[in-house]
């Protein structure tokens, strides 16, 4: 994709559509993994905030497109390419997290009793690396097309939601044992 294609509306729509397709792939993996967790006695917490998370993340994809079409900003190629690089890096981090967590990853807070928290891959360094990916992407994706209103609004709303999500998730993880090897059977 050349600079003109990336900085135009069509290029941005394609980038957002690719992210939306990736989100659908995540939902397929999440549902499969949630079923696996529930079959092993998984316990879900934080159901109250989950619908808000779905609305926020869906609205995010729509809002940046609406902003781009309404505002039609001039997009410097350096901004578009640097933000696209951050989007790609956040996707790589997200899928590294999904891969490392394996069947235990899903978009909800479900823990399987008897399984210790994962402490490998990016989890050796950060407690919640997937949320780093979400925060970076939330700022960077709209800025691929200079949709700064969406970037700021999503970042603020997501920060509020993440404060709830992290409390719920940390409490659920604190109830897990110190160490046990995951049995994929």
N, C-alpha and C. Protein backbone atom coordinates (compact mmCIF):
# COMPACT_ATOMS: atom_id res chain seq x y z
N UNK A 1 0.86 -1.17 0.00
CA UNK A 1 0.00 0.00 0.00
C UNK A 1 0.90 1.23 0.00
N UNK A 2 0.70 2.12 -0.95
CA UNK A 2 1.52 3.33 -1.00
C UNK A 2 0.93 4.40 -0.07
N UNK A 3 1.67 5.47 0.13
CA UNK A 3 1.25 6.51 1.08
C UNK A 3 -0.09 7.12 0.70
N UNK A 4 -0.31 7.37 -0.57
CA UNK A 4 -1.58 7.98 -1.00
C UNK A 4 -2.75 7.05 -0.71
N UNK A 5 -2.55 5.76 -0.93
CA UNK A 5 -3.62 4.80 -0.66
C UNK A 5 -3.92 4.71 0.83
N UNK A 6 -2.87 4.74 1.66
CA UNK A 6 -3.08 4.64 3.11
C UNK A 6 -3.74 5.89 3.67
N UNK A 7 -3.37 7.05 3.16
CA UNK A 7 -3.92 8.29 3.71
C UNK A 7 -5.30 8.63 3.16
N UNK A 8 -5.77 7.90 2.18
CA UNK A 8 -7.11 8.11 1.64
C UNK A 8 -8.16 7.34 2.43
N UNK A 9 -9.41 7.72 2.25
CA UNK A 9 -10.51 7.07 2.96
C UNK A 9 -10.62 5.58 2.63
N UNK A 10 -10.41 5.23 1.38
CA UNK A 10 -10.53 3.82 0.99
C UNK A 10 -9.50 2.97 1.72
N UNK A 11 -8.27 3.44 1.79
CA UNK A 11 -7.22 2.71 2.50
C UNK A 11 -7.56 2.55 3.97
N UNK A 12 -8.10 3.61 4.57
CA UNK A 12 -8.48 3.55 5.98
C UNK A 12 -9.62 2.56 6.21
N UNK A 13 -10.61 2.59 5.33
CA UNK A 13 -11.72 1.64 5.44
C UNK A 13 -11.20 0.21 5.36
N UNK A 14 -10.27 -0.03 4.48
CA UNK A 14 -9.68 -1.38 4.35
C UNK A 14 -8.96 -1.78 5.64
N UNK A 15 -8.19 -0.87 6.21
CA UNK A 15 -7.47 -1.17 7.47
C UNK A 15 -8.47 -1.48 8.58
N UNK A 16 -9.50 -0.66 8.73
CA UNK A 16 -10.50 -0.88 9.77
C UNK A 16 -11.26 -2.18 9.51
N UNK A 17 -11.57 -2.47 8.26
CA UNK A 17 -12.25 -3.73 7.93
C UNK A 17 -11.39 -4.93 8.29
N UNK A 18 -10.10 -4.83 8.04
CA UNK A 18 -9.19 -5.93 8.42
C UNK A 18 -9.16 -6.12 9.93
N UNK A 19 -9.17 -5.03 10.67
CA UNK A 19 -9.21 -5.14 12.13
C UNK A 19 -10.55 -5.74 12.56
N UNK A 20 -11.64 -5.36 11.93
CA UNK A 20 -12.95 -5.93 12.26
C UNK A 20 -12.97 -7.44 12.00
N UNK A 21 -12.38 -7.86 10.91
CA UNK A 21 -12.28 -9.30 10.61
C UNK A 21 -11.45 -10.00 11.67
N UNK A 22 -10.37 -9.35 12.08
CA UNK A 22 -9.54 -9.92 13.15
C UNK A 22 -10.35 -10.07 14.42
N UNK A 23 -11.19 -9.08 14.73
CA UNK A 23 -12.04 -9.14 15.93
C UNK A 23 -13.01 -10.32 15.85
N UNK A 24 -13.55 -10.55 14.67
CA UNK A 24 -14.45 -11.70 14.50
C UNK A 24 -13.69 -13.01 14.74
N UNK A 25 -12.46 -13.08 14.25
CA UNK A 25 -11.63 -14.28 14.51
C UNK A 25 -11.40 -14.44 16.01
N UNK A 26 -11.15 -13.34 16.70
CA UNK A 26 -10.99 -13.39 18.16
C UNK A 26 -12.24 -13.95 18.83
N UNK A 27 -13.41 -13.50 18.38
CA UNK A 27 -14.65 -13.97 18.99
C UNK A 27 -14.84 -15.47 18.79
N UNK A 28 -14.45 -15.99 17.63
CA UNK A 28 -14.54 -17.44 17.38
C UNK A 28 -13.62 -18.18 18.35
N UNK A 29 -12.38 -17.71 18.47
CA UNK A 29 -11.42 -18.33 19.39
C UNK A 29 -11.93 -18.21 20.82
N UNK A 30 -12.43 -17.04 21.17
CA UNK A 30 -12.93 -16.81 22.52
C UNK A 30 -14.07 -17.76 22.89
N UNK A 31 -15.03 -17.90 21.99
CA UNK A 31 -16.16 -18.79 22.26
C UNK A 31 -15.71 -20.23 22.44
N UNK A 32 -14.82 -20.68 21.57
CA UNK A 32 -14.28 -22.04 21.68
C UNK A 32 -13.56 -22.21 23.02
N UNK A 33 -12.76 -21.24 23.39
CA UNK A 33 -12.00 -21.34 24.63
C UNK A 33 -12.89 -21.22 25.86
N UNK A 34 -13.93 -20.39 25.79
CA UNK A 34 -14.86 -20.28 26.91
C UNK A 34 -15.57 -21.62 27.13
N UNK A 35 -15.96 -22.27 26.06
CA UNK A 35 -16.60 -23.59 26.18
C UNK A 35 -15.65 -24.58 26.83
N UNK A 36 -14.38 -24.54 26.43
CA UNK A 36 -13.36 -25.42 27.02
C UNK A 36 -13.24 -25.16 28.52
N UNK A 37 -13.20 -23.88 28.89
CA UNK A 37 -13.06 -23.51 30.31
C UNK A 37 -14.29 -23.94 31.11
N UNK A 38 -15.48 -23.69 30.59
CA UNK A 38 -16.70 -24.07 31.31
C UNK A 38 -16.78 -25.59 31.47
N UNK A 39 -16.34 -26.34 30.47
CA UNK A 39 -16.36 -27.80 30.54
C UNK A 39 -15.43 -28.31 31.65
N UNK A 40 -14.47 -27.50 32.06
CA UNK A 40 -13.52 -27.87 33.11
C UNK A 40 -13.83 -27.15 34.43
N UNK A 41 -15.05 -26.68 34.57
CA UNK A 41 -15.47 -26.04 35.81
C UNK A 41 -15.15 -24.56 35.89
N UNK A 42 -14.88 -23.94 34.75
CA UNK A 42 -14.54 -22.52 34.74
C UNK A 42 -15.62 -21.66 35.36
N UNK A 43 -15.18 -20.64 36.08
CA UNK A 43 -16.09 -19.72 36.75
C UNK A 43 -15.95 -18.34 36.12
N UNK A 44 -17.08 -17.75 35.73
CA UNK A 44 -17.04 -16.43 35.11
C UNK A 44 -17.37 -15.36 36.14
N UNK A 45 -16.61 -14.28 36.10
CA UNK A 45 -16.90 -13.10 36.91
C UNK A 45 -16.91 -11.90 35.98
N UNK A 46 -17.51 -10.81 36.45
CA UNK A 46 -17.50 -9.57 35.67
C UNK A 46 -18.48 -9.53 34.52
N UNK A 47 -19.52 -10.33 34.60
CA UNK A 47 -20.50 -10.33 33.50
C UNK A 47 -21.17 -8.98 33.31
N UNK A 48 -21.25 -8.20 34.41
CA UNK A 48 -21.96 -6.92 34.35
C UNK A 48 -21.30 -5.94 33.38
N UNK A 49 -19.99 -5.93 33.33
CA UNK A 49 -19.32 -4.94 32.47
C UNK A 49 -19.08 -5.45 31.05
N UNK A 50 -19.25 -6.73 30.82
CA UNK A 50 -18.94 -7.29 29.50
C UNK A 50 -19.77 -6.68 28.37
N UNK A 51 -21.09 -6.50 28.53
CA UNK A 51 -21.87 -5.86 27.45
C UNK A 51 -21.36 -4.45 27.13
N UNK A 52 -20.94 -3.71 28.13
CA UNK A 52 -20.38 -2.38 27.89
C UNK A 52 -19.10 -2.46 27.08
N UNK A 53 -18.31 -3.47 27.35
CA UNK A 53 -17.07 -3.66 26.60
C UNK A 53 -17.38 -3.96 25.13
N UNK A 54 -18.35 -4.79 24.89
CA UNK A 54 -18.75 -5.12 23.51
C UNK A 54 -19.23 -3.87 22.78
N UNK A 55 -20.08 -3.08 23.44
CA UNK A 55 -20.60 -1.86 22.82
C UNK A 55 -19.46 -0.87 22.56
N UNK A 56 -18.56 -0.70 23.52
CA UNK A 56 -17.47 0.25 23.35
C UNK A 56 -16.57 -0.15 22.19
N UNK A 57 -16.19 -1.41 22.13
CA UNK A 57 -15.26 -1.85 21.09
C UNK A 57 -15.92 -1.88 19.70
N UNK A 58 -17.20 -2.17 19.65
CA UNK A 58 -17.91 -2.12 18.37
C UNK A 58 -18.09 -0.67 17.93
N UNK A 59 -18.51 0.16 18.86
CA UNK A 59 -18.68 1.58 18.58
C UNK A 59 -17.39 2.25 18.15
N UNK A 60 -16.29 1.79 18.69
CA UNK A 60 -14.96 2.31 18.34
C UNK A 60 -14.70 2.15 16.85
N UNK A 61 -14.97 0.96 16.32
CA UNK A 61 -14.73 0.71 14.89
C UNK A 61 -15.63 1.60 14.02
N UNK A 62 -16.87 1.74 14.42
CA UNK A 62 -17.82 2.57 13.66
C UNK A 62 -17.46 4.05 13.78
N UNK A 63 -17.16 4.50 15.00
CA UNK A 63 -16.92 5.92 15.26
C UNK A 63 -15.75 6.47 14.45
N UNK A 64 -14.67 5.70 14.36
CA UNK A 64 -13.52 6.24 13.62
C UNK A 64 -13.82 6.38 12.13
N UNK A 65 -14.64 5.48 11.59
CA UNK A 65 -15.04 5.60 10.19
C UNK A 65 -15.95 6.80 9.98
N UNK A 66 -16.91 6.96 10.88
CA UNK A 66 -17.82 8.12 10.79
C UNK A 66 -17.01 9.41 10.87
N UNK A 67 -16.09 9.46 11.83
CA UNK A 67 -15.28 10.67 11.98
C UNK A 67 -14.47 10.94 10.71
N UNK A 68 -13.88 9.90 10.16
CA UNK A 68 -13.06 10.07 8.95
C UNK A 68 -13.91 10.60 7.79
N UNK A 69 -15.12 10.07 7.63
CA UNK A 69 -15.97 10.51 6.52
C UNK A 69 -16.56 11.90 6.76
N UNK A 70 -16.85 12.24 8.01
CA UNK A 70 -17.43 13.55 8.31
C UNK A 70 -16.36 14.63 8.29
N UNK A 71 -15.24 14.39 8.95
CA UNK A 71 -14.20 15.42 9.05
C UNK A 71 -13.31 15.50 7.81
N UNK A 72 -13.10 14.36 7.15
CA UNK A 72 -12.22 14.29 5.98
C UNK A 72 -10.90 15.03 6.20
N UNK A 73 -10.16 14.60 7.24
CA UNK A 73 -8.93 15.31 7.57
C UNK A 73 -7.82 15.07 6.55
N UNK A 74 -6.90 16.03 6.48
CA UNK A 74 -5.67 15.82 5.74
C UNK A 74 -4.82 14.90 6.61
N UNK A 75 -4.31 13.84 6.04
CA UNK A 75 -3.57 12.85 6.83
C UNK A 75 -2.11 12.84 6.37
N UNK A 76 -1.21 13.30 7.22
CA UNK A 76 0.21 13.22 6.86
C UNK A 76 0.64 11.76 6.75
N UNK A 77 1.38 11.44 5.72
CA UNK A 77 1.83 10.06 5.51
C UNK A 77 2.62 9.55 6.70
N UNK A 78 3.42 10.39 7.32
CA UNK A 78 4.22 9.96 8.47
C UNK A 78 3.32 9.53 9.63
N UNK A 79 2.22 10.25 9.84
CA UNK A 79 1.26 9.88 10.88
C UNK A 79 0.62 8.54 10.53
N UNK A 80 0.11 8.43 9.32
CA UNK A 80 -0.58 7.20 8.91
C UNK A 80 0.33 5.98 9.05
N UNK A 81 1.54 6.07 8.54
CA UNK A 81 2.44 4.92 8.58
C UNK A 81 2.92 4.59 9.99
N UNK A 82 3.21 5.61 10.79
CA UNK A 82 3.66 5.33 12.16
C UNK A 82 2.53 4.72 12.99
N UNK A 83 1.32 5.22 12.80
CA UNK A 83 0.19 4.66 13.55
C UNK A 83 -0.15 3.25 13.06
N UNK A 84 -0.03 3.03 11.75
CA UNK A 84 -0.24 1.68 11.23
C UNK A 84 0.79 0.71 11.81
N UNK A 85 2.01 1.15 11.96
CA UNK A 85 3.05 0.30 12.57
C UNK A 85 2.68 -0.05 14.01
N UNK A 86 2.12 0.91 14.75
CA UNK A 86 1.68 0.63 16.13
C UNK A 86 0.49 -0.33 16.14
N UNK A 87 -0.42 -0.18 15.18
CA UNK A 87 -1.56 -1.10 15.08
C UNK A 87 -1.06 -2.53 14.83
N UNK A 88 -0.15 -2.67 13.91
CA UNK A 88 0.40 -4.00 13.60
C UNK A 88 1.13 -4.56 14.82
N UNK A 89 1.90 -3.74 15.51
CA UNK A 89 2.61 -4.19 16.72
C UNK A 89 1.61 -4.61 17.80
N UNK A 90 0.53 -3.85 17.95
CA UNK A 90 -0.47 -4.22 18.96
C UNK A 90 -1.16 -5.53 18.60
N UNK A 91 -1.40 -5.75 17.30
CA UNK A 91 -1.99 -7.03 16.88
C UNK A 91 -1.04 -8.18 17.16
N UNK A 92 0.24 -7.95 16.92
CA UNK A 92 1.23 -9.00 17.20
C UNK A 92 1.27 -9.33 18.68
N UNK A 93 1.24 -8.30 19.53
CA UNK A 93 1.23 -8.53 20.97
C UNK A 93 -0.05 -9.25 21.38
N UNK A 94 -1.18 -8.82 20.84
CA UNK A 94 -2.47 -9.46 21.17
C UNK A 94 -2.44 -10.96 20.84
N UNK A 95 -1.95 -11.31 19.63
CA UNK A 95 -1.95 -12.71 19.24
C UNK A 95 -0.86 -13.51 19.95
N UNK A 96 0.19 -12.84 20.40
CA UNK A 96 1.17 -13.51 21.25
C UNK A 96 0.49 -13.88 22.57
N UNK A 97 -0.27 -12.96 23.13
CA UNK A 97 -1.02 -13.23 24.37
C UNK A 97 -2.00 -14.39 24.18
N UNK A 98 -2.74 -14.34 23.09
CA UNK A 98 -3.72 -15.39 22.81
C UNK A 98 -3.01 -16.73 22.67
N UNK A 99 -1.88 -16.76 21.99
CA UNK A 99 -1.13 -18.00 21.80
C UNK A 99 -0.59 -18.53 23.11
N UNK A 100 -0.01 -17.66 23.92
CA UNK A 100 0.58 -18.09 25.20
C UNK A 100 -0.51 -18.59 26.15
N UNK A 101 -1.63 -17.92 26.21
CA UNK A 101 -2.71 -18.37 27.09
C UNK A 101 -3.41 -19.62 26.55
N UNK A 102 -3.32 -19.84 25.26
CA UNK A 102 -3.93 -21.03 24.67
C UNK A 102 -5.42 -21.08 24.94
N UNK A 103 -5.89 -22.23 25.35
CA UNK A 103 -7.33 -22.42 25.58
C UNK A 103 -7.87 -21.59 26.73
N UNK A 104 -6.99 -21.02 27.52
CA UNK A 104 -7.44 -20.22 28.66
C UNK A 104 -7.78 -18.78 28.26
N UNK A 105 -7.44 -18.36 27.03
CA UNK A 105 -7.73 -17.00 26.60
C UNK A 105 -9.16 -16.91 26.12
N UNK A 106 -9.86 -15.86 26.53
CA UNK A 106 -11.15 -15.51 25.96
C UNK A 106 -11.42 -14.05 26.30
N UNK A 107 -12.48 -13.51 25.76
CA UNK A 107 -12.76 -12.09 25.96
C UNK A 107 -13.50 -11.81 27.26
N UNK A 108 -13.87 -12.86 27.96
CA UNK A 108 -14.55 -12.71 29.25
C UNK A 108 -13.57 -13.07 30.36
N UNK A 109 -13.98 -12.91 31.60
CA UNK A 109 -13.13 -13.28 32.73
C UNK A 109 -13.63 -14.63 33.24
N UNK A 110 -12.97 -15.69 32.77
CA UNK A 110 -13.32 -17.05 33.15
C UNK A 110 -12.04 -17.72 33.64
N UNK A 111 -12.08 -18.20 34.85
CA UNK A 111 -10.91 -18.92 35.38
C UNK A 111 -11.32 -20.36 35.68
N UNK A 112 -10.39 -21.26 35.43
CA UNK A 112 -10.61 -22.67 35.70
C UNK A 112 -9.96 -23.00 37.05
N UNK A 113 -10.76 -23.42 38.03
CA UNK A 113 -10.19 -23.75 39.34
C UNK A 113 -9.08 -24.80 39.19
N UNK A 114 -8.02 -24.58 39.94
CA UNK A 114 -6.91 -25.53 39.93
C UNK A 114 -5.80 -25.18 38.97
N UNK A 115 -6.03 -24.23 38.08
CA UNK A 115 -4.99 -23.83 37.13
C UNK A 115 -4.35 -22.52 37.59
N UNK A 116 -3.05 -22.50 37.61
CA UNK A 116 -2.31 -21.31 38.03
C UNK A 116 -2.32 -20.26 36.92
N UNK A 117 -2.13 -19.01 37.31
CA UNK A 117 -1.99 -17.98 36.27
C UNK A 117 -0.79 -18.27 35.37
N UNK A 118 -0.89 -17.88 34.13
CA UNK A 118 0.21 -18.06 33.18
C UNK A 118 1.28 -17.02 33.48
N UNK A 119 2.53 -17.47 33.50
CA UNK A 119 3.66 -16.58 33.79
C UNK A 119 4.75 -16.70 32.73
N UNK A 120 4.35 -17.00 31.49
CA UNK A 120 5.33 -17.14 30.42
C UNK A 120 5.02 -16.13 29.32
N UNK A 121 5.87 -16.08 28.30
CA UNK A 121 5.68 -15.14 27.21
C UNK A 121 5.64 -13.72 27.73
N UNK A 122 4.73 -12.90 27.22
CA UNK A 122 4.68 -11.50 27.67
C UNK A 122 4.23 -11.37 29.12
N UNK A 123 3.64 -12.43 29.67
CA UNK A 123 3.18 -12.41 31.06
C UNK A 123 4.33 -12.50 32.05
N UNK A 124 5.54 -12.80 31.56
CA UNK A 124 6.73 -12.75 32.43
C UNK A 124 7.04 -11.31 32.79
N UNK A 125 6.71 -10.40 31.89
CA UNK A 125 7.08 -8.99 32.05
C UNK A 125 5.92 -8.14 32.54
N UNK A 126 4.72 -8.40 32.03
CA UNK A 126 3.53 -7.61 32.35
C UNK A 126 2.41 -8.50 32.86
N UNK A 127 1.66 -8.00 33.80
CA UNK A 127 0.52 -8.77 34.32
C UNK A 127 -0.60 -8.87 33.29
N UNK A 128 -0.79 -7.82 32.51
CA UNK A 128 -1.91 -7.77 31.55
C UNK A 128 -1.44 -7.23 30.20
N UNK A 129 -0.58 -7.95 29.49
CA UNK A 129 -0.07 -7.42 28.22
C UNK A 129 -1.13 -7.25 27.15
N UNK A 130 -2.20 -8.03 27.20
CA UNK A 130 -3.26 -7.88 26.20
C UNK A 130 -3.90 -6.49 26.29
N UNK A 131 -4.00 -5.96 27.50
CA UNK A 131 -4.60 -4.64 27.66
C UNK A 131 -3.66 -3.54 27.16
N UNK A 132 -2.35 -3.80 27.20
CA UNK A 132 -1.41 -2.86 26.58
C UNK A 132 -1.71 -2.80 25.09
N UNK A 133 -1.93 -3.96 24.47
CA UNK A 133 -2.26 -4.01 23.05
C UNK A 133 -3.56 -3.24 22.77
N UNK A 134 -4.55 -3.41 23.63
CA UNK A 134 -5.84 -2.73 23.45
C UNK A 134 -5.66 -1.21 23.55
N UNK A 135 -4.90 -0.76 24.53
CA UNK A 135 -4.69 0.68 24.72
C UNK A 135 -3.93 1.28 23.53
N UNK A 136 -2.87 0.62 23.11
CA UNK A 136 -2.08 1.13 21.97
C UNK A 136 -2.94 1.17 20.72
N UNK A 137 -3.64 0.09 20.44
CA UNK A 137 -4.48 0.06 19.26
C UNK A 137 -5.59 1.10 19.33
N UNK A 138 -6.16 1.29 20.52
CA UNK A 138 -7.24 2.26 20.68
C UNK A 138 -6.83 3.68 20.34
N UNK A 139 -5.58 4.01 20.60
CA UNK A 139 -5.07 5.33 20.23
C UNK A 139 -4.61 5.34 18.77
N UNK A 140 -3.91 4.30 18.36
CA UNK A 140 -3.25 4.31 17.05
C UNK A 140 -4.19 4.08 15.87
N UNK A 141 -5.14 3.16 15.98
CA UNK A 141 -5.98 2.84 14.82
C UNK A 141 -6.74 4.05 14.28
N UNK A 142 -7.41 4.82 15.12
CA UNK A 142 -8.09 5.99 14.57
C UNK A 142 -7.12 7.02 14.00
N UNK A 143 -5.92 7.09 14.58
CA UNK A 143 -4.96 8.08 14.12
C UNK A 143 -4.31 7.71 12.79
N UNK A 144 -4.53 6.47 12.33
CA UNK A 144 -4.09 6.12 10.97
C UNK A 144 -4.72 7.09 9.98
N UNK A 145 -5.92 7.57 10.32
CA UNK A 145 -6.58 8.55 9.45
C UNK A 145 -6.90 9.84 10.21
N UNK A 146 -6.05 10.18 11.17
CA UNK A 146 -6.17 11.44 11.92
C UNK A 146 -7.54 11.62 12.57
N UNK A 147 -8.15 10.52 12.98
CA UNK A 147 -9.44 10.58 13.67
C UNK A 147 -9.17 10.73 15.17
N UNK A 148 -8.70 11.89 15.52
CA UNK A 148 -8.24 12.12 16.89
C UNK A 148 -9.38 12.18 17.90
N UNK A 149 -10.57 12.60 17.50
CA UNK A 149 -11.70 12.64 18.42
C UNK A 149 -12.02 11.22 18.89
N UNK A 150 -12.05 10.28 17.97
CA UNK A 150 -12.30 8.88 18.33
C UNK A 150 -11.17 8.35 19.19
N UNK A 151 -9.93 8.67 18.85
CA UNK A 151 -8.79 8.19 19.63
C UNK A 151 -8.87 8.66 21.08
N UNK A 152 -9.16 9.93 21.28
CA UNK A 152 -9.23 10.48 22.64
C UNK A 152 -10.45 9.93 23.38
N UNK A 153 -11.60 9.93 22.72
CA UNK A 153 -12.84 9.46 23.37
C UNK A 153 -12.73 8.00 23.76
N UNK A 154 -12.27 7.16 22.82
CA UNK A 154 -12.13 5.74 23.14
C UNK A 154 -11.13 5.54 24.25
N UNK A 155 -10.01 6.24 24.22
CA UNK A 155 -8.99 6.08 25.25
C UNK A 155 -9.55 6.40 26.63
N UNK A 156 -10.31 7.47 26.75
CA UNK A 156 -10.88 7.84 28.05
C UNK A 156 -11.94 6.84 28.51
N UNK A 157 -12.86 6.46 27.61
CA UNK A 157 -13.89 5.49 27.98
C UNK A 157 -13.28 4.12 28.28
N UNK A 158 -12.29 3.74 27.50
CA UNK A 158 -11.63 2.45 27.72
C UNK A 158 -10.88 2.45 29.05
N UNK A 159 -10.27 3.57 29.42
CA UNK A 159 -9.56 3.65 30.71
C UNK A 159 -10.54 3.41 31.86
N UNK A 160 -11.71 4.01 31.77
CA UNK A 160 -12.72 3.80 32.81
C UNK A 160 -13.15 2.33 32.86
N UNK A 161 -13.39 1.75 31.69
CA UNK A 161 -13.81 0.35 31.64
C UNK A 161 -12.69 -0.58 32.10
N UNK A 162 -11.47 -0.28 31.71
CA UNK A 162 -10.34 -1.11 32.13
C UNK A 162 -10.12 -1.06 33.63
N UNK A 163 -10.44 0.05 34.27
CA UNK A 163 -10.28 0.10 35.73
C UNK A 163 -11.21 -0.91 36.40
N UNK A 164 -12.40 -1.07 35.86
CA UNK A 164 -13.35 -2.08 36.36
C UNK A 164 -12.85 -3.47 35.99
N UNK A 165 -12.50 -3.65 34.74
CA UNK A 165 -12.07 -4.96 34.23
C UNK A 165 -10.85 -5.47 34.99
N UNK A 166 -9.88 -4.62 35.23
CA UNK A 166 -8.67 -5.05 35.93
C UNK A 166 -8.96 -5.46 37.37
N UNK A 167 -9.85 -4.74 38.04
CA UNK A 167 -10.23 -5.15 39.41
C UNK A 167 -10.86 -6.54 39.40
N UNK A 168 -11.79 -6.76 38.47
CA UNK A 168 -12.46 -8.05 38.36
C UNK A 168 -11.46 -9.15 38.03
N UNK A 169 -10.63 -8.90 37.03
CA UNK A 169 -9.68 -9.91 36.58
C UNK A 169 -8.63 -10.21 37.65
N UNK A 170 -8.11 -9.18 38.29
CA UNK A 170 -7.11 -9.41 39.34
C UNK A 170 -7.68 -10.20 40.51
N UNK A 171 -8.93 -9.92 40.87
CA UNK A 171 -9.58 -10.68 41.95
C UNK A 171 -9.74 -12.14 41.54
N UNK A 172 -10.15 -12.38 40.30
CA UNK A 172 -10.32 -13.75 39.82
C UNK A 172 -8.99 -14.49 39.78
N UNK A 173 -7.95 -13.82 39.31
CA UNK A 173 -6.62 -14.44 39.23
C UNK A 173 -6.03 -14.69 40.61
N UNK A 174 -6.34 -13.82 41.56
CA UNK A 174 -5.81 -13.99 42.93
C UNK A 174 -6.34 -15.26 43.58
N UNK A 175 -7.47 -15.74 43.12
CA UNK A 175 -8.07 -16.95 43.69
C UNK A 175 -7.44 -18.22 43.14
N UNK A 176 -6.60 -18.10 42.12
CA UNK A 176 -5.97 -19.28 41.52
C UNK A 176 -4.78 -19.75 42.35
N UNK A 177 -4.42 -21.03 42.24
CA UNK A 177 -3.27 -21.54 42.98
C UNK A 177 -1.96 -20.97 42.42
N UNK A 178 -0.88 -21.17 43.15
CA UNK A 178 0.42 -20.61 42.77
C UNK A 178 1.00 -21.26 41.52
N UNK A 179 0.89 -22.56 41.38
CA UNK A 179 1.51 -23.22 40.22
C UNK A 179 0.84 -24.55 39.93
N UNK A 180 0.60 -24.77 38.67
CA UNK A 180 0.10 -26.06 38.19
C UNK A 180 0.24 -26.04 36.66
N UNK A 181 0.67 -27.13 36.10
CA UNK A 181 0.85 -27.21 34.65
C UNK A 181 -0.52 -27.40 34.02
N UNK A 182 -0.76 -26.68 32.94
CA UNK A 182 -2.02 -26.79 32.20
C UNK A 182 -2.08 -28.12 31.48
N UNK A 183 -3.19 -28.83 31.66
CA UNK A 183 -3.43 -30.08 30.95
C UNK A 183 -4.38 -29.78 29.81
N UNK A 184 -3.91 -29.92 28.58
CA UNK A 184 -4.74 -29.60 27.41
C UNK A 184 -5.75 -30.68 27.07
N UNK A 185 -5.83 -31.71 27.82
CA UNK A 185 -6.74 -32.81 27.49
C UNK A 185 -8.17 -32.41 27.56
